[in-house]
Amino acid sequence: MSIPANPPHVVPAIGQALGRVPAHRLEPMVGQASARAYWRLHLEDAEPATLVVMALPPGPVASDEGGGGDAPAELPFLSVGRLLAERGVRVPRVYADDPEHGVVLLEDLGDETFEARLLAQPERTSQLYEQAVDTLAALHAACEDLPEGAAPTTKRFDEALFRWELDHFREWGLEEIHGALSEGQRARFDGSVDALAMQLAAAATGFVHRDYQSRNLMWKADELVVIDFQDALQGPRPYDLVALLCDSYVDLPVGLQDAMIVRYCVARGFDARATELFRTTFWRQAVQRKLKDAGRFVYIDRVRGNASFLPSYAPSLRYVGRALGKLGSELAELGSLLEAKIPGFPDEVAQPPAATGSAPDRAF
């Protein structure tokens, strides 16, 4: 589905935000893998001079990432954003919202993502990650005692969801590209990922942003602003740090990963035992999350017709290989299966070919 020329119902939202409707124009913004669409709203003789329009497609947004449930009474973006703002987390300001029509007017944060600054200032990589890790540690500390019924407490990463994501990888990231598993290979895969899902589901839990990575952090001057938090839930403590430090869009050296794991644990006040447990869970979670990502990128191409994420397939699997190495013999059976099935795994995996007719950067 292409972006319409104008989002519906934006004029009433402008009036709600400003008390009047000045002359304005809309500029479409490039979408990613989201069901939402975005425009930059330029306003004449108004403060602020620009806002961002976020629009959801008509009707309930169906989840194709597992963990579905009843539709919430309020858009999770609004409820989770308000909760984070109340706890001192820097998120985009909401100027107006029309939940009936799925239109929200947001603070314009500009275009500089965390990823963009990394690319522009590679010599500052360590310092930038220190700031991102400290921001995450503060976010997690602020969300330790959420009230019962708050949006991020109503769902969690459980064994079934972890298992669903691993099967998503098997279907799309493995069999779609490299052919069906034999009966014996399927049994080996199932046995390995069953154990992994069980271990992760039993780990200590806390607030999980779910996608705290370089394209979901924005710079406003030298301040980091957290976005795309609407899928927040409860899950293993290291989940968000895995998303940041095993980012499929960034090639991060293992030494910096190790240093940032320690930095996070110090910031959270973990003792030596808690730090070691956290580190082990981090690498287990890295295996699960990056397998899921590899499958997701192929799915987005094959099902949504967007090939722009395929270059991140191989980097995801490199992180899987690194995590398996950190875990020693624990998931050796899974590692040997991936080596047998995926040519070049883990460090020389080829980018999958795009499906015929793929069109990058579609908003829906």
Protein backbone atom coordinates (compact mmCIF):
# COMPACT_ATOMS: atom_id res chain seq x y z
CA MET A 1 0.00 0.00 0.00
CA SER A 2 1.44 3.38 -0.95
CA ILE A 3 1.33 6.50 1.21
CA PRO A 4 -1.76 8.62 0.45
CA ALA A 5 -1.15 12.24 -0.50
CA ASN A 6 -2.53 13.47 2.83
CA PRO A 7 -3.28 11.65 6.08
CA PRO A 8 -6.98 11.72 6.95
CA HIS A 9 -8.31 13.91 9.75
CA VAL A 10 -5.09 15.89 10.15
CA VAL A 11 -6.79 19.30 10.09
CA PRO A 12 -8.86 18.68 13.25
CA ALA A 13 -5.70 17.42 14.96
CA ILE A 14 -3.88 20.65 14.06
CA GLY A 15 -6.73 22.62 15.56
CA GLN A 16 -6.56 20.49 18.71
CA ALA A 17 -2.82 21.10 19.03
CA LEU A 18 -2.67 24.82 18.26
CA GLY A 19 -6.21 26.13 18.79
CA ARG A 20 -6.24 27.20 15.14
CA VAL A 21 -5.33 25.82 11.72
CA PRO A 22 -2.56 27.85 10.09
CA ALA A 23 -1.43 27.36 6.53
CA HIS A 24 0.49 24.13 6.30
CA ARG A 25 1.96 21.52 4.01
CA LEU A 26 2.74 17.83 4.42
CA GLU A 27 5.94 16.02 3.47
CA PRO A 28 5.87 12.18 3.41
CA MET A 29 8.57 10.53 5.50
CA VAL A 30 10.14 7.20 4.55
CA GLY A 31 8.66 4.24 6.38
CA GLN A 32 10.50 1.27 7.85
CA ALA A 33 8.92 -2.06 8.80
CA SER A 34 6.01 -0.45 10.62
CA ALA A 35 2.26 -0.53 9.98
CA ARG A 36 2.27 3.20 10.74
CA ALA A 37 2.91 5.99 8.24
CA TYR A 38 4.54 9.36 8.93
CA TRP A 39 4.51 12.87 7.48
CA ARG A 40 6.40 15.99 8.46
CA LEU A 41 3.90 18.81 8.94
CA HIS A 42 5.26 22.28 8.07
CA LEU A 43 3.27 25.09 9.72
CA GLU A 44 3.34 28.79 8.80
CA ASP A 45 3.42 31.37 11.60
CA ALA A 46 3.25 28.73 14.29
CA GLU A 47 5.35 27.40 17.13
CA PRO A 48 6.58 24.78 16.72
CA ALA A 49 7.19 25.29 13.02
CA THR A 50 7.09 21.56 12.31
CA LEU A 51 5.37 18.53 13.77
CA VAL A 52 5.24 14.87 12.78
CA VAL A 53 1.97 13.22 11.83
CA MET A 54 1.72 9.55 12.78
CA ALA A 55 -1.17 7.69 11.19
CA LEU A 56 -2.31 4.11 11.64
CA PRO A 57 -4.06 2.20 8.86
CA PRO A 58 -7.87 1.94 9.22
CA GLY A 59 -9.17 -0.68 11.65
CA PRO A 60 -7.24 -2.66 14.27
CA VAL A 61 -3.59 -3.27 13.50
CA ALA A 62 -3.11 -7.03 13.31
CA SER A 63 0.09 -8.36 14.80
CA ASP A 64 2.15 -10.78 12.72
CA GLU A 65 4.92 -11.04 15.30
CA GLY A 66 3.21 -13.33 17.81
CA GLY A 67 1.98 -12.44 21.28
CA GLY A 68 -1.37 -11.16 20.02
CA GLY A 69 -4.33 -10.43 22.25
CA ASP A 70 -7.35 -8.22 22.64
CA ALA A 71 -7.12 -4.68 21.30
CA PRO A 72 -6.14 -2.25 24.08
CA ALA A 73 -8.52 0.51 25.18
CA GLU A 74 -5.88 3.15 24.27
CA LEU A 75 -3.19 3.20 21.63
CA PRO A 76 -0.13 1.59 23.32
CA PHE A 77 2.04 4.34 21.85
CA LEU A 78 0.12 6.88 23.91
CA SER A 79 -0.20 4.89 27.13
CA VAL A 80 3.40 3.66 27.18
CA GLY A 81 4.74 7.06 26.12
CA ARG A 82 2.84 8.80 28.91
CA LEU A 83 4.10 6.28 31.46
CA LEU A 84 7.72 6.76 30.35
CA ALA A 85 7.42 10.56 30.32
CA GLU A 86 6.00 10.53 33.85
CA ARG A 87 9.08 8.59 34.95
CA GLY A 88 11.55 11.01 33.40
CA VAL A 89 12.33 9.13 30.20
CA ARG A 90 12.79 11.45 27.22
CA VAL A 91 10.17 10.51 24.62
CA PRO A 92 8.51 12.59 21.88
CA ARG A 93 5.96 15.10 23.12
CA VAL A 94 2.38 14.43 21.98
CA TYR A 95 0.64 17.60 20.74
CA ALA A 96 -2.68 16.06 19.70
CA ASP A 97 -4.29 12.68 19.28
CA ASP A 98 -7.40 11.43 17.56
CA PRO A 99 -7.69 7.80 18.66
CA GLU A 100 -10.91 7.26 16.71
CA HIS A 101 -9.12 7.98 13.45
CA GLY A 102 -5.61 6.83 14.46
CA VAL A 103 -3.92 10.21 13.99
CA VAL A 104 -1.31 11.58 16.41
CA LEU A 105 0.68 14.83 16.15
CA LEU A 106 4.14 14.48 17.64
CA GLU A 107 7.18 16.57 18.40
CA ASP A 108 9.50 16.71 15.38
CA LEU A 109 12.81 15.25 16.52
CA GLY A 110 14.58 15.84 13.21
CA ASP A 111 16.24 13.13 11.17
CA GLU A 112 19.39 12.23 13.11
CA THR A 113 19.11 8.70 14.47
CA PHE A 114 21.68 7.11 16.73
CA GLU A 115 22.79 5.12 13.68
CA ALA A 116 23.30 8.30 11.65
CA ARG A 117 25.54 9.86 14.30
CA LEU A 118 27.56 6.64 14.55
CA LEU A 119 28.17 6.77 10.81
CA ALA A 120 29.08 10.47 10.93
CA GLN A 121 31.32 10.23 14.02
CA PRO A 122 32.90 6.75 14.06
CA GLU A 123 35.72 7.99 16.28
CA ARG A 124 33.13 8.57 19.04
CA THR A 125 31.54 5.12 18.89
CA SER A 126 32.49 4.18 22.46
CA GLN A 127 31.24 7.46 23.95
CA LEU A 128 27.97 7.28 22.01
CA TYR A 129 27.32 3.74 23.22
CA GLU A 130 28.12 4.76 26.77
CA GLN A 131 25.35 7.36 26.55
CA ALA A 132 22.90 4.88 25.02
CA VAL A 133 23.67 2.28 27.70
CA ASP A 134 23.34 4.81 30.51
CA THR A 135 20.02 5.98 29.05
CA LEU A 136 18.79 2.38 28.95
CA ALA A 137 19.92 1.66 32.52
CA ALA A 138 18.06 4.76 33.72
CA LEU A 139 14.95 3.75 31.76
CA HIS A 140 14.95 0.27 33.27
CA ALA A 141 15.49 1.62 36.78
CA ALA A 142 12.59 4.05 36.32
CA CYS A 143 10.27 1.23 35.23
CA GLU A 144 11.00 -1.30 37.97
CA ASP A 145 7.77 -0.71 39.91
CA LEU A 146 5.11 -0.19 37.27
CA PRO A 147 1.52 -0.15 38.56
CA GLU A 148 -0.52 -3.28 37.96
CA GLY A 149 -2.45 -2.96 34.72
CA ALA A 150 -0.01 -0.54 33.08
CA ALA A 151 0.37 -1.45 29.40
CA PRO A 152 3.86 -2.98 29.67
CA THR A 153 2.73 -5.26 32.52
CA THR A 154 -0.17 -6.85 30.64
CA LYS A 155 1.94 -9.06 28.37
CA ARG A 156 5.29 -10.75 28.60
CA PHE A 157 7.84 -12.77 26.72
CA ASP A 158 6.91 -16.31 27.68
CA GLU A 159 8.11 -19.64 26.38
CA ALA A 160 5.41 -19.74 23.69
CA LEU A 161 6.38 -16.33 22.28
CA PHE A 162 10.09 -17.13 22.24
CA ARG A 163 9.28 -20.41 20.53
CA TRP A 164 7.03 -18.69 17.98
CA GLU A 165 9.84 -16.30 17.04
CA LEU A 166 12.30 -19.17 16.65
CA ASP A 167 9.87 -21.01 14.40
CA HIS A 168 9.49 -17.76 12.46
CA PHE A 169 13.24 -17.92 11.83
CA ARG A 170 13.05 -21.58 10.86
CA GLU A 171 10.28 -20.91 8.36
CA TRP A 172 11.62 -17.72 6.78
CA GLY A 173 15.29 -17.31 7.65
CA LEU A 174 16.24 -20.95 7.22
CA GLU A 175 13.87 -23.06 5.12
CA GLU A 176 12.65 -20.29 2.80
CA ILE A 177 16.27 -19.55 1.77
CA HIS A 178 18.13 -22.82 2.28
CA GLY A 179 15.48 -25.53 1.83
CA ALA A 180 13.39 -27.66 4.15
CA LEU A 181 14.99 -29.36 7.12
CA SER A 182 15.14 -33.13 7.06
CA GLU A 183 13.25 -35.01 9.73
CA GLY A 184 16.45 -35.46 11.72
CA GLN A 185 17.47 -31.83 11.33
CA ARG A 186 14.02 -30.67 12.43
CA ALA A 187 14.26 -32.82 15.56
CA ARG A 188 17.69 -31.31 16.36
CA PHE A 189 16.40 -27.80 15.77
CA ASP A 190 13.30 -28.30 17.91
CA GLY A 191 15.26 -29.84 20.75
CA SER A 192 17.77 -26.97 20.83
CA VAL A 193 15.29 -24.11 20.60
CA ASP A 194 12.86 -25.72 23.04
CA ALA A 195 15.63 -25.67 25.65
CA LEU A 196 16.61 -22.10 24.76
CA ALA A 197 13.03 -20.82 24.97
CA MET A 198 12.58 -22.52 28.34
CA GLN A 199 15.77 -20.97 29.75
CA LEU A 200 14.85 -17.48 28.57
CA ALA A 201 11.30 -17.74 29.91
CA ALA A 202 12.73 -18.67 33.33
CA ALA A 203 15.15 -15.71 33.46
CA ALA A 204 14.68 -12.70 35.74
CA THR A 205 12.36 -10.19 34.07
CA GLY A 206 11.77 -6.46 33.85
CA PHE A 207 10.56 -3.74 31.48
CA VAL A 208 11.46 -4.47 27.83
CA HIS A 209 11.24 -1.78 25.15
CA ARG A 210 11.50 -4.65 22.63
CA ASP A 211 13.43 -2.76 19.91
CA TYR A 212 15.94 -0.48 21.63
CA GLN A 213 18.38 -0.15 18.73
CA SER A 214 20.16 2.44 16.62
CA ARG A 215 17.17 3.38 14.47
CA ASN A 216 14.83 3.81 17.44
CA LEU A 217 16.96 6.36 19.27
CA MET A 218 16.94 9.95 18.04
CA TRP A 219 19.29 12.81 18.80
CA LYS A 220 17.77 16.15 19.77
CA ALA A 221 20.97 18.19 20.08
CA ASP A 222 23.03 15.99 22.44
CA GLU A 223 20.05 14.36 24.15
CA LEU A 224 18.89 10.86 23.29
CA VAL A 225 15.16 10.48 22.73
CA VAL A 226 13.54 7.04 22.85
CA ILE A 227 10.95 6.20 20.18
CA ASP A 228 9.00 3.15 18.93
CA PHE A 229 8.19 1.96 22.46
CA GLN A 230 4.59 0.91 21.84
CA ASP A 231 5.37 -2.83 21.98
CA ALA A 232 6.84 -2.67 25.50
CA LEU A 233 6.27 -5.70 27.70
CA GLN A 234 7.90 -7.79 30.42
CA GLY A 235 10.85 -9.95 29.47
CA PRO A 236 14.40 -11.03 30.33
CA ARG A 237 16.46 -8.23 31.84
CA PRO A 238 19.14 -8.21 29.11
CA TYR A 239 16.69 -8.11 26.18
CA ASP A 240 16.99 -4.40 25.39
CA LEU A 241 20.75 -4.42 25.82
CA VAL A 242 20.93 -7.27 23.31
CA ALA A 243 18.90 -5.20 20.84
CA LEU A 244 21.37 -2.32 21.27
CA LEU A 245 24.67 -4.22 21.32
CA CYS A 246 23.79 -6.89 18.73
CA ASP A 247 22.19 -4.41 16.36
CA SER A 248 21.82 -5.84 12.84
CA TYR A 249 22.46 -2.36 11.40
CA VAL A 250 25.78 -1.83 13.20
CA ASP A 251 28.94 -3.96 13.25
CA LEU A 252 30.00 -3.70 16.89
CA PRO A 253 33.28 -5.28 18.04
CA VAL A 254 33.07 -7.90 20.75
CA GLY A 255 35.34 -5.94 23.10
CA LEU A 256 32.95 -3.00 23.09
CA GLN A 257 30.00 -5.34 23.65
CA ASP A 258 31.70 -6.84 26.69
CA ALA A 259 32.59 -3.42 28.09
CA MET A 260 29.03 -2.13 27.67
CA ILE A 261 27.56 -5.20 29.38
CA VAL A 262 29.75 -4.43 32.39
CA ARG A 263 28.83 -0.74 32.24
CA TYR A 264 25.13 -1.55 32.29
CA CYS A 265 25.51 -3.95 35.24
CA VAL A 266 27.47 -1.36 37.22
CA ALA A 267 24.84 1.30 36.47
CA ARG A 268 22.12 -1.06 37.74
CA GLY A 269 24.10 -1.93 40.87
CA PHE A 270 24.34 -5.67 40.15
CA ASP A 271 26.73 -7.68 42.32
CA ALA A 272 29.19 -10.20 40.86
CA ARG A 273 26.73 -13.11 40.84
CA ALA A 274 23.93 -11.06 39.29
CA THR A 275 26.36 -9.74 36.67
CA GLU A 276 27.44 -13.24 35.69
CA LEU A 277 23.84 -14.42 35.40
CA PHE A 278 23.01 -11.33 33.37
CA ARG A 279 25.94 -11.97 31.02
CA THR A 280 24.93 -15.60 30.40
CA THR A 281 21.32 -14.60 29.75
CA PHE A 282 22.54 -11.82 27.45
CA TRP A 283 24.24 -14.28 25.10
CA ARG A 284 21.33 -16.73 25.21
CA GLN A 285 19.00 -13.89 24.40
CA ALA A 286 21.32 -12.77 21.60
CA VAL A 287 20.97 -16.17 19.92
CA GLN A 288 17.18 -16.03 20.11
CA ARG A 289 16.77 -12.38 19.13
CA LYS A 290 19.16 -12.45 16.19
CA LEU A 291 17.69 -15.66 14.77
CA LYS A 292 14.29 -13.98 15.00
CA ASP A 293 15.64 -10.89 13.23
CA ALA A 294 17.19 -12.91 10.41
CA GLY A 295 13.84 -14.58 9.78
CA ARG A 296 11.97 -11.30 10.09
CA PHE A 297 14.05 -9.60 7.41
CA VAL A 298 13.25 -12.36 4.91
CA TYR A 299 9.58 -12.31 5.90
CA ILE A 300 9.38 -8.54 5.30
CA ASP A 301 10.73 -9.11 1.79
CA ARG A 302 8.66 -12.18 0.89
CA VAL A 303 5.35 -11.14 2.49
CA ARG A 304 5.42 -7.33 2.65
CA GLY A 305 7.38 -6.81 -0.56
CA ASN A 306 10.11 -4.72 1.11
CA ALA A 307 13.65 -5.90 0.29
CA SER A 308 15.43 -3.07 2.10
CA PHE A 309 16.15 -5.18 5.21
CA LEU A 310 17.80 -8.11 3.41
CA PRO A 311 21.32 -6.62 3.81
CA SER A 312 20.88 -7.09 7.58
CA TYR A 313 20.24 -10.85 7.30
CA ALA A 314 23.91 -11.87 7.28
CA PRO A 315 24.95 -9.45 10.09
CA SER A 316 22.20 -10.94 12.27
CA LEU A 317 23.65 -14.41 11.77
CA ARG A 318 27.18 -13.20 12.52
CA TYR A 319 25.92 -12.06 15.91
CA VAL A 320 24.30 -15.48 16.39
CA GLY A 321 27.65 -17.13 15.73
CA ARG A 322 29.39 -14.84 18.20
CA ALA A 323 26.81 -15.55 20.89
CA LEU A 324 27.06 -19.31 20.33
CA GLY A 325 30.82 -19.02 20.77
CA LYS A 326 30.36 -17.17 24.06
CA LEU A 327 28.06 -19.95 25.32
CA GLY A 328 30.57 -22.73 24.63
CA SER A 329 29.02 -26.17 24.35
CA GLU A 330 25.59 -25.11 25.61
CA LEU A 331 24.01 -24.74 22.15
CA ALA A 332 26.60 -26.66 20.15
CA GLU A 333 23.91 -28.81 18.50
CA LEU A 334 22.15 -25.72 17.17
CA GLY A 335 25.44 -24.25 15.96
CA SER A 336 26.39 -27.39 14.06
CA LEU A 337 22.96 -27.51 12.42
CA LEU A 338 23.22 -23.89 11.28
CA GLU A 339 26.71 -24.54 9.92
CA ALA A 340 25.42 -27.54 7.96
CA LYS A 341 22.38 -25.75 6.59
CA ILE A 342 23.55 -22.17 5.95
CA PRO A 343 26.57 -21.82 3.63
CA GLY A 344 29.25 -19.64 5.23
CA PHE A 345 27.67 -19.57 8.70
CA PRO A 346 28.43 -17.59 10.75
CA ASP A 347 30.85 -15.09 9.23
CA GLU A 348 30.51 -15.51 5.46
CA VAL A 349 26.77 -15.80 4.95
CA ALA A 350 25.51 -14.39 1.66
CA GLN A 351 22.68 -11.88 1.42
CA PRO A 352 19.46 -13.63 0.33
CA PRO A 353 18.12 -12.69 -3.11
CA ALA A 354 15.11 -10.42 -3.09
CA ALA A 355 11.74 -11.82 -4.06
CA THR A 356 10.53 -10.83 -7.51
CA GLY A 357 8.75 -7.51 -7.35
CA SER A 358 10.16 -6.39 -3.98
CA ALA A 359 9.87 -2.65 -3.48
CA PRO A 360 12.07 -1.11 -0.77
CA ASP A 361 10.93 1.49 1.76
CA ARG A 362 7.19 0.98 1.57
CA ALA A 363 5.36 2.52 4.52
CA PHE A 364 2.84 -0.28 5.00
